[in-house]
Amino acid sequence: MNVLFVCTGNTCRSPMAEGYFRHLCQKNNAKDIGIKSAGVGAIDGCPTSDGALMVLRGLGIDLSEHRSQRLTASLSAWADIIVAMTQGHKDIVSRQFSNFNGKIVLLKKYDGKSGDIFDPIGGDFSTYKACFSDMRKALDNLFATLDK
């Protein structure tokens, strides 16, 4: 099973989701789940934002090696499930790669909620922490669903 997390620039939300999800897989010895992230408007090669680095560092997760990448058809084809942070991201992926529509979902679906994961870009540490908190339960639930 391959999971692709998608946001805008691939420097905040999707790297936090990727890093935390990878941590869940390692902690639970789930070696058969591949994890990547990308951005619908990403510039290739940008580092993770400082806020995202600090939030996950507090959980013992190191994102310092992550570099952003733009969403491509090959990444979309690699993924069994494409997890979008917002309806806007989902719509962009659907328009650009319509042959993959059946595997695109919103992250909040796994939290039993609707809506978007807000973009913390430019915010302080508490903004990033709130963004990650908004994602965490959904990521835990997604992992539990895939780990069955």
Protein backbone atom coordinates (compact mmCIF):
# COMPACT_ATOMS: atom_id res chain seq x y z
CA MET A 1 0.00 0.00 0.00
CA ASN A 2 1.43 3.38 -1.04
CA VAL A 3 0.16 6.61 0.53
CA LEU A 4 0.80 10.05 -0.97
CA PHE A 5 0.04 13.15 1.12
CA VAL A 6 -0.67 16.32 -0.87
CA CYS A 7 -0.75 19.99 0.08
CA THR A 8 0.28 23.21 -1.65
CA GLY A 9 4.03 23.72 -1.31
CA ASN A 10 5.10 20.43 0.32
CA THR A 11 6.92 22.29 3.10
CA CYS A 12 4.38 22.26 5.97
CA ARG A 13 1.29 20.07 6.08
CA SER A 14 2.15 17.16 3.80
CA PRO A 15 5.70 16.75 5.20
CA MET A 16 4.28 16.69 8.74
CA ALA A 17 1.74 14.09 7.63
CA GLU A 18 4.41 12.05 5.84
CA GLY A 19 6.84 12.21 8.77
CA TYR A 20 4.26 11.32 11.40
CA PHE A 21 2.76 8.55 9.26
CA ARG A 22 6.22 7.08 8.64
CA HIS A 23 6.78 7.21 12.41
CA LEU A 24 3.52 5.29 12.97
CA CYS A 25 4.58 2.66 10.44
CA GLN A 26 8.02 2.22 11.99
CA LYS A 27 6.63 2.11 15.52
CA ASN A 28 4.13 -0.57 14.49
CA ASN A 29 6.50 -2.49 12.21
CA ALA A 30 4.24 -1.86 9.18
CA LYS A 31 6.88 -2.34 6.50
CA ASP A 32 4.44 -2.82 3.63
CA ILE A 33 3.25 0.81 3.56
CA GLY A 34 5.10 3.28 1.32
CA ILE A 35 4.82 6.95 2.20
CA LYS A 36 5.59 10.08 0.18
CA SER A 37 4.36 13.65 -0.04
CA ALA A 38 4.11 16.31 -2.73
CA GLY A 39 2.65 19.73 -3.41
CA VAL A 40 0.30 20.87 -6.14
CA GLY A 41 2.22 24.16 -6.32
CA ALA A 42 5.57 23.04 -4.94
CA ILE A 43 8.96 24.18 -6.08
CA ASP A 44 11.26 21.16 -6.08
CA GLY A 45 14.00 21.11 -3.46
CA CYS A 46 12.74 23.48 -0.74
CA PRO A 47 13.35 22.48 2.89
CA THR A 48 10.61 21.82 5.42
CA SER A 49 9.41 24.96 7.20
CA ASP A 50 10.92 25.65 10.61
CA GLY A 51 7.56 25.35 12.36
CA ALA A 52 6.91 21.89 10.91
CA LEU A 53 10.44 20.81 11.84
CA MET A 54 9.98 21.96 15.44
CA VAL A 55 6.54 20.37 15.92
CA LEU A 56 7.67 16.93 14.81
CA ARG A 57 11.05 17.23 16.50
CA GLY A 58 9.06 17.40 19.73
CA LEU A 59 7.81 13.88 18.91
CA GLY A 60 11.29 12.60 18.06
CA ILE A 61 10.68 12.81 14.30
CA ASP A 62 13.35 14.42 12.11
CA LEU A 63 12.20 16.10 8.90
CA SER A 64 15.48 17.92 8.23
CA GLU A 65 16.27 15.82 5.15
CA HIS A 66 12.87 16.37 3.51
CA ARG A 67 12.85 18.42 0.32
CA SER A 68 9.70 19.52 -1.46
CA GLN A 69 8.55 18.00 -4.71
CA ARG A 70 5.83 18.91 -7.15
CA LEU A 71 2.97 16.47 -7.65
CA THR A 72 3.48 14.51 -10.87
CA ALA A 73 1.61 11.88 -12.82
CA SER A 74 4.20 9.27 -11.82
CA LEU A 75 3.77 10.05 -8.10
CA SER A 76 0.01 9.86 -8.52
CA ALA A 77 0.33 6.52 -10.31
CA TRP A 78 2.65 5.19 -7.56
CA ALA A 79 0.06 5.95 -4.87
CA ASP A 80 -2.75 3.60 -3.91
CA ILE A 81 -4.33 6.45 -1.97
CA ILE A 82 -3.78 10.20 -2.42
CA VAL A 83 -4.59 12.09 0.77
CA ALA A 84 -5.34 15.78 0.18
CA MET A 85 -5.22 18.41 2.92
CA THR A 86 -7.99 20.56 1.41
CA GLN A 87 -10.88 20.34 -1.00
CA GLY A 88 -8.92 22.71 -3.24
CA HIS A 89 -6.00 20.27 -3.36
CA LYS A 90 -8.39 17.41 -4.11
CA ASP A 91 -9.98 19.43 -6.93
CA ILE A 92 -6.58 20.29 -8.46
CA VAL A 93 -5.43 16.67 -8.37
CA SER A 94 -8.76 15.59 -9.90
CA ARG A 95 -8.41 18.11 -12.74
CA GLN A 96 -4.73 17.41 -13.45
CA PHE A 97 -4.87 13.64 -13.09
CA SER A 98 -8.49 12.65 -13.68
CA ASN A 99 -7.58 9.00 -14.21
CA PHE A 100 -6.71 8.83 -10.48
CA ASN A 101 -9.98 10.32 -9.14
CA GLY A 102 -11.00 7.08 -7.43
CA LYS A 103 -8.07 7.17 -5.03
CA ILE A 104 -8.17 10.80 -3.86
CA VAL A 105 -9.55 11.48 -0.37
CA LEU A 106 -9.54 14.34 2.12
CA LEU A 107 -7.52 13.69 5.27
CA LYS A 108 -10.35 14.85 7.52
CA LYS A 109 -12.48 11.96 6.23
CA TYR A 110 -10.49 9.77 8.62
CA ASP A 111 -11.40 11.99 11.55
CA GLY A 112 -15.12 11.78 10.87
CA LYS A 113 -15.12 15.48 10.05
CA SER A 114 -15.42 17.55 6.94
CA GLY A 115 -13.38 20.55 5.94
CA ASP A 116 -9.79 21.43 5.34
CA ILE A 117 -6.53 21.22 7.24
CA PHE A 118 -5.58 24.90 7.50
CA ASP A 119 -2.25 26.13 6.13
CA PRO A 120 0.12 27.21 8.92
CA ILE A 121 2.65 28.84 6.55
CA GLY A 122 4.04 32.01 8.06
CA GLY A 123 2.58 31.26 11.48
CA ASP A 124 4.37 30.85 14.78
CA PHE A 125 5.09 27.58 16.58
CA SER A 126 1.61 27.46 18.15
CA THR A 127 0.04 27.78 14.68
CA TYR A 128 2.03 24.80 13.42
CA LYS A 129 1.24 22.83 16.55
CA ALA A 130 -2.48 23.52 16.09
CA CYS A 131 -2.27 22.45 12.44
CA PHE A 132 -0.58 19.18 13.39
CA SER A 133 -3.13 18.61 16.16
CA ASP A 134 -5.85 19.06 13.54
CA MET A 135 -4.24 16.25 11.49
CA ARG A 136 -3.10 13.81 14.13
CA LYS A 137 -6.30 11.88 14.89
CA ALA A 138 -7.08 11.53 11.19
CA LEU A 139 -3.57 10.21 10.55
CA ASP A 140 -3.90 7.74 13.44
CA ASN A 141 -7.24 6.56 12.05
CA LEU A 142 -5.89 6.30 8.49
CA PHE A 143 -3.03 4.16 9.78
CA ALA A 144 -5.41 1.93 11.72
CA THR A 145 -7.53 1.50 8.57
CA LEU A 146 -4.55 0.56 6.38
CA ASP A 147 -2.86 -1.60 9.00
CA LYS A 148 -5.80 -4.04 9.16
